[in-house]
Each structure stands twice: as structure tokens, then as C-alpha cells.
Amino acid sequence: MADPSNTNVPRHVAIIMDGNGRWARARGLPRTMGHKKGVEAVREVVRAAGDIGISYLTLFAFSSENWRRPEAEVTDLMGLLKAFIRRDLADLHRENVRIRIIGERENLRSDILPLLLEAEETTKANTALTLVIAFNYGSRDEISRAMRAIGRRIAAGEIAPEAVTPELIDAHLDTAGIPDPDLIIRTSGEERLSNFLLWQAAYSELVFVPEYWPDFDRDLFLKTLEKFAGRERRFGGLTPASILAGE
């Protein structure tokens, strides 16, 4: 296992798991097969993250816009989510993995919300990898909900408008208590964030890989982390090396 104190190992990696449908289409298979293969990739990457010493792994599992997909596909995706939780929750718990769910929970289907809550409750005391599942998640929606919550506090006289700081906004987001991602990966060759962690990604390193998500295995994950290790992170300032180089 990698040393978590090694700055070349990102503390928090977030992944936009893209390309399941195109992976299936390229093989003449139904989209459902791409999603099933994608679940296998999830298992492999979660194991790898724990082995490497990553503290937080966020997976964009289902966006708030994905409900617009054909009903049959949404039903298949919900079935895969339920199967993953039922099959893998015990294993993740044994591996000391904590599960956090981010995203809008209101009006979720009655067969989904209890499973998500069970996963969080069962693993809440675990202290190894935190697996953050972004489900029914959209970053603009998340920020809007945070602003409404802050607005209610201002209207109630609980806080003054001057108290609204980046730190206060952080505390009202779904990701409260979770560090911002050091690295965001997107598979399938697309190069955009697609309404994912827009606030939290302010200083994240971005890596876009051409492979579809079902092909994203441990080796590809490690190669992506090598790219991250070669980056010089400045957070808006200059590193000593940059100053010496006259940048």
C-alpha cells in the first residue's frame, strides 16, 4: 500500500464514469451490458484506491439529468445500483470503507432511498477509504440548495450577509466535511465536467482519458495517477521551483 503522506498520492480522486453505452455499441451489445461491465470497473477501481492509500473516492453514478434517459434504461440502472449495494455493501464494510451519498434525496423512489441510507448508516464509523457516490446529483442544484439554506438562515437573523464566506458555503454543500478533489478523471475522451463538483473543482487537476469506463481498470487508474504525480500544483500562487525559474 502506498504511503498516504506521499504528496504524489491524491487525497481525493473524483471520477466521471463515462462511455458505458458507447462501449456496448462498439461491440454490438445492448447498453445494459455496458452498464454491467461498468459496475465491474467500479469494483476494481474501489479496491485499487484502497490499496494505493487514497482517502476519498467520488464516483458520478447518476446525475439529476439522467432521469431524461429512456425509462427502460433508467430501470436497468436502478436495478444495477440496488444489486451493487446488496452484493457489495458487506464486503465494503469488512474492508472498513465508509459510504457517503451526495445528491438530491427528496422524492427518490421508495425502493432506492432506504438502500442508500442503509449503506451510509452501516458504514458510518469506518475509517479507511470514504467512497462518495454522487446519485441524483447535479452541481448547480447542489449550490442552489446551499444558497437557499443560507438565505433562510439570513432571513431568520441567524447569520448576517457578511458572514457568507467560501467556508460557510462549503459547510452547506452536500460534500460538507469532504476535502475538495485533488484530481478529477473523466473517461471516454469527453473533456468537460458536465455539472459535476463545479464549486469543489476550483483547483482540481483534470485528466481526460480516451478509454470508455468499462475498460478503465487498475492499470489505467495507476497510469492516470502517474500523470497527476507529474503535475505542479500552484493553487493560484507560485511554487519555490517556479520562483527560481523566473515564472
Protein backbone atom coordinates (compact mmCIF):
# COMPACT_ATOMS: atom_id res chain seq x y z
CA MET A 1 0.00 0.00 0.00
CA ALA A 2 1.25 3.46 -0.86
CA ASP A 3 2.22 5.88 1.89
CA PRO A 4 -0.74 8.31 2.32
CA SER A 5 1.73 11.02 3.38
CA ASN A 6 3.24 10.90 -0.11
CA THR A 7 2.10 14.10 -1.83
CA ASN A 8 2.13 12.28 -5.17
CA VAL A 9 -0.86 10.26 -3.97
CA PRO A 10 -4.01 12.40 -4.24
CA ARG A 11 -6.07 12.51 -1.08
CA HIS A 12 -9.33 12.74 -3.04
CA VAL A 13 -9.99 11.43 -6.55
CA ALA A 14 -13.31 12.03 -8.32
CA ILE A 15 -14.32 10.19 -11.48
CA ILE A 16 -16.90 10.88 -14.18
CA MET A 17 -17.57 7.32 -15.33
CA ASP A 18 -18.46 7.91 -18.97
CA GLY A 19 -18.84 5.68 -22.02
CA ASN A 20 -20.78 2.60 -20.94
CA GLY A 21 -23.26 2.91 -23.80
CA ARG A 22 -20.61 3.57 -26.44
CA TRP A 23 -18.53 0.64 -25.14
CA ALA A 24 -21.55 -1.63 -25.67
CA ARG A 25 -22.44 -0.17 -29.06
CA ALA A 26 -18.89 -0.68 -30.34
CA ARG A 27 -19.31 -4.38 -29.56
CA GLY A 28 -22.82 -4.72 -30.90
CA LEU A 29 -24.21 -5.23 -27.39
CA PRO A 30 -27.21 -3.64 -25.65
CA ARG A 31 -26.44 -0.63 -23.46
CA THR A 32 -27.35 -2.69 -20.40
CA MET A 33 -24.23 -4.81 -20.95
CA GLY A 34 -22.10 -1.67 -20.92
CA HIS A 35 -23.56 -0.64 -17.57
CA LYS A 36 -23.00 -4.13 -16.13
CA LYS A 37 -19.39 -4.09 -17.28
CA GLY A 38 -19.08 -0.62 -15.79
CA VAL A 39 -20.03 -1.98 -12.35
CA GLU A 40 -17.09 -4.40 -12.60
CA ALA A 41 -14.83 -1.42 -13.28
CA VAL A 42 -16.23 0.29 -10.17
CA ARG A 43 -15.26 -2.69 -8.03
CA GLU A 44 -11.74 -2.77 -9.43
CA VAL A 45 -11.13 0.95 -9.00
CA VAL A 46 -12.51 0.99 -5.44
CA ARG A 47 -10.14 -1.84 -4.50
CA ALA A 48 -7.22 -0.07 -6.16
CA ALA A 49 -7.98 3.23 -4.40
CA GLY A 50 -7.91 1.48 -1.02
CA ASP A 51 -4.65 -0.28 -1.84
CA ILE A 52 -2.97 2.92 -3.03
CA GLY A 53 -3.89 4.90 0.07
CA ILE A 54 -6.42 7.32 -1.42
CA SER A 55 -8.65 8.66 1.34
CA TYR A 56 -11.70 9.75 -0.70
CA LEU A 57 -13.04 8.38 -3.98
CA THR A 58 -16.08 10.09 -5.51
CA LEU A 59 -17.94 8.38 -8.35
CA PHE A 60 -20.51 10.17 -10.51
CA ALA A 61 -23.03 7.35 -10.56
CA PHE A 62 -26.25 9.03 -11.71
CA SER A 63 -26.84 12.68 -12.50
CA SER A 64 -30.05 14.60 -11.92
CA GLU A 65 -30.26 14.90 -15.73
CA ASN A 66 -30.05 11.13 -16.27
CA TRP A 67 -33.76 10.76 -15.47
CA ARG A 68 -34.36 12.02 -19.02
CA ARG A 69 -32.97 8.78 -20.44
CA PRO A 70 -35.37 6.12 -21.76
CA GLU A 71 -37.42 4.59 -18.97
CA ALA A 72 -36.12 1.08 -19.66
CA GLU A 73 -32.51 2.24 -19.31
CA VAL A 74 -33.24 4.12 -16.07
CA THR A 75 -34.91 0.99 -14.70
CA ASP A 76 -31.84 -1.07 -15.60
CA LEU A 77 -29.54 1.46 -13.93
CA MET A 78 -31.63 1.45 -10.76
CA GLY A 79 -31.51 -2.34 -10.75
CA LEU A 80 -27.73 -2.29 -11.04
CA LEU A 81 -27.44 0.22 -8.20
CA LYS A 82 -29.61 -1.94 -5.94
CA ALA A 83 -27.66 -5.07 -6.89
CA PHE A 84 -24.34 -3.33 -6.20
CA ILE A 85 -25.41 -2.20 -2.73
CA ARG A 86 -26.90 -5.56 -1.82
CA ARG A 87 -23.94 -7.53 -3.11
CA ASP A 88 -21.04 -5.26 -2.18
CA LEU A 89 -22.11 -3.47 0.99
CA ALA A 90 -20.98 -6.28 3.30
CA ASP A 91 -17.61 -6.53 1.54
CA LEU A 92 -17.05 -2.77 1.67
CA HIS A 93 -17.98 -2.75 5.35
CA ARG A 94 -15.47 -5.52 6.07
CA GLU A 95 -12.82 -3.51 4.22
CA ASN A 96 -13.52 -0.56 6.56
CA VAL A 97 -14.89 1.56 3.68
CA ARG A 98 -17.26 4.37 4.58
CA ILE A 99 -20.00 5.25 2.10
CA ARG A 100 -21.32 8.79 1.65
CA ILE A 101 -24.12 9.72 -0.72
CA ILE A 102 -24.33 13.18 -2.28
CA GLY A 103 -27.20 14.50 -4.37
CA GLU A 104 -30.86 15.45 -4.00
CA ARG A 105 -32.73 12.93 -1.85
CA GLU A 106 -36.22 14.41 -1.98
CA ASN A 107 -38.70 12.38 -3.99
CA LEU A 108 -36.31 9.50 -4.60
CA ARG A 109 -38.01 6.19 -5.31
CA SER A 110 -39.05 4.27 -2.21
CA ASP A 111 -37.00 1.25 -3.26
CA ILE A 112 -33.81 3.31 -3.65
CA LEU A 113 -33.62 5.81 -0.77
CA PRO A 114 -33.72 3.20 2.05
CA LEU A 115 -30.81 1.32 0.45
CA LEU A 116 -28.73 4.48 0.23
CA LEU A 117 -29.49 5.36 3.84
CA GLU A 118 -28.67 1.81 4.93
CA ALA A 119 -25.30 1.96 3.17
CA GLU A 120 -24.43 5.22 4.93
CA GLU A 121 -25.64 4.07 8.33
CA THR A 122 -23.94 0.68 8.19
CA THR A 123 -20.54 2.14 7.30
CA LYS A 124 -20.61 5.49 9.11
CA ALA A 125 -17.95 4.51 11.67
CA ASN A 126 -15.49 3.11 9.13
CA THR A 127 -12.17 4.89 8.83
CA ALA A 128 -10.39 3.68 5.69
CA LEU A 129 -11.42 4.83 2.21
CA THR A 130 -14.51 7.05 2.02
CA LEU A 131 -16.48 6.09 -1.09
CA VAL A 132 -18.66 9.03 -2.12
CA ILE A 133 -21.45 8.12 -4.52
CA ALA A 134 -22.94 11.04 -6.43
CA PHE A 135 -26.51 9.89 -7.07
CA ASN A 136 -29.29 12.09 -8.44
CA TYR A 137 -26.56 14.72 -8.30
CA GLY A 138 -26.10 17.96 -10.18
CA SER A 139 -23.67 20.61 -9.03
CA ARG A 140 -25.87 23.60 -9.90
CA ASP A 141 -28.73 22.01 -7.96
CA GLU A 142 -26.39 21.38 -5.03
CA ILE A 143 -25.21 25.00 -5.00
CA SER A 144 -28.79 26.27 -5.33
CA ARG A 145 -29.91 24.20 -2.36
CA ALA A 146 -26.96 25.51 -0.34
CA MET A 147 -27.83 29.12 -1.23
CA ARG A 148 -31.45 28.61 -0.21
CA ALA A 149 -30.37 27.15 3.13
CA ILE A 150 -28.05 30.10 3.77
CA GLY A 151 -30.78 32.53 2.69
CA ARG A 152 -33.17 31.03 5.22
CA ARG A 153 -30.57 31.47 7.96
CA ILE A 154 -30.07 35.12 6.98
CA ALA A 155 -33.85 35.74 6.89
CA ALA A 156 -34.17 34.22 10.36
CA GLY A 157 -31.48 36.56 11.68
CA GLU A 158 -29.24 33.60 12.49
CA ILE A 159 -26.35 34.98 10.43
CA ALA A 160 -25.55 38.29 8.75
CA PRO A 161 -25.00 38.57 4.98
CA GLU A 162 -21.38 39.48 5.71
CA ALA A 163 -20.92 36.04 7.24
CA VAL A 164 -21.34 34.36 3.86
CA THR A 165 -17.82 33.15 3.06
CA PRO A 166 -16.48 30.33 0.91
CA GLU A 167 -16.12 28.33 4.11
CA LEU A 168 -19.79 28.86 5.02
CA ILE A 169 -20.86 27.80 1.52
CA ASP A 170 -18.65 24.69 1.82
CA ALA A 171 -20.46 23.79 5.04
CA HIS A 172 -23.85 23.87 3.29
CA LEU A 173 -22.90 21.73 0.29
CA ASP A 174 -23.59 18.00 0.04
CA THR A 175 -19.83 17.47 0.36
CA ALA A 176 -19.52 19.21 3.74
CA GLY A 177 -16.61 17.67 5.61
CA ILE A 178 -15.10 16.15 2.46
CA PRO A 179 -11.94 17.77 1.06
CA ASP A 180 -12.07 19.14 -2.46
CA PRO A 181 -10.89 16.65 -5.10
CA ASP A 182 -7.21 16.84 -5.95
CA LEU A 183 -7.84 15.01 -9.20
CA ILE A 184 -10.90 14.65 -11.42
CA ILE A 185 -10.81 11.94 -14.09
CA ARG A 186 -13.24 11.60 -16.99
CA THR A 187 -13.25 8.58 -19.24
CA SER A 188 -14.41 8.16 -22.87
CA GLY A 189 -12.50 11.11 -24.36
CA GLU A 190 -15.03 13.78 -23.41
CA GLU A 191 -13.41 16.88 -21.92
CA ARG A 192 -15.96 18.65 -19.74
CA LEU A 193 -17.23 18.49 -16.15
CA SER A 194 -20.92 18.06 -17.02
CA ASN A 195 -22.29 19.73 -13.88
CA PHE A 196 -20.06 17.69 -11.55
CA LEU A 197 -18.47 19.24 -8.44
CA LEU A 198 -18.25 22.69 -10.03
CA TRP A 199 -17.59 24.51 -6.74
CA GLN A 200 -15.26 21.84 -5.39
CA ALA A 201 -13.23 21.60 -8.62
CA ALA A 202 -11.79 25.13 -8.35
CA TYR A 203 -8.20 23.87 -8.04
CA SER A 204 -8.57 20.24 -9.07
CA GLU A 205 -6.24 18.71 -11.61
CA LEU A 206 -8.20 17.35 -14.59
CA VAL A 207 -7.23 14.27 -16.57
CA PHE A 208 -9.28 13.10 -19.55
CA VAL A 209 -8.64 9.60 -20.85
CA PRO A 210 -9.89 8.16 -24.15
CA GLU A 211 -10.88 4.73 -22.80
CA TYR A 212 -14.53 4.02 -22.05
CA TRP A 213 -15.37 3.43 -18.41
CA PRO A 214 -15.83 -0.38 -18.70
CA ASP A 215 -12.19 -0.59 -19.86
CA PHE A 216 -10.88 1.56 -17.02
CA ASP A 217 -9.01 -1.00 -14.94
CA ARG A 218 -6.37 -0.85 -12.22
CA ASP A 219 -3.51 -0.34 -14.70
CA LEU A 220 -5.21 2.61 -16.38
CA PHE A 221 -6.02 4.07 -12.97
CA LEU A 222 -2.36 3.86 -11.94
CA LYS A 223 -1.26 5.46 -15.21
CA THR A 224 -3.69 8.31 -14.61
CA LEU A 225 -2.30 8.79 -11.11
CA GLU A 226 1.18 8.96 -12.62
CA LYS A 227 0.02 11.90 -14.73
CA PHE A 228 -1.25 13.60 -11.58
CA ALA A 229 2.08 12.99 -9.85
CA GLY A 230 3.83 14.88 -12.65
CA ARG A 231 1.70 17.99 -12.23
CA GLU A 232 2.90 21.07 -10.34
CA ARG A 233 0.00 22.38 -8.27
CA ARG A 234 0.14 26.12 -7.54
CA PHE A 235 -3.34 26.94 -6.19
CA GLY A 236 -3.13 30.39 -7.78
CA GLY A 237 0.35 31.11 -6.42
CA LEU A 238 3.90 30.14 -7.26
CA THR A 239 5.94 27.21 -6.05
CA PRO A 240 9.58 27.71 -5.00
CA ALA A 241 10.65 25.99 -8.21
CA SER A 242 8.57 28.42 -10.28
CA ILE A 243 10.07 31.41 -8.49
CA LEU A 244 13.61 30.14 -9.08
CA ALA A 245 12.74 29.61 -12.75
CA GLY A 246 11.59 33.23 -13.01
CA GLU A 247 7.99 32.36 -13.90
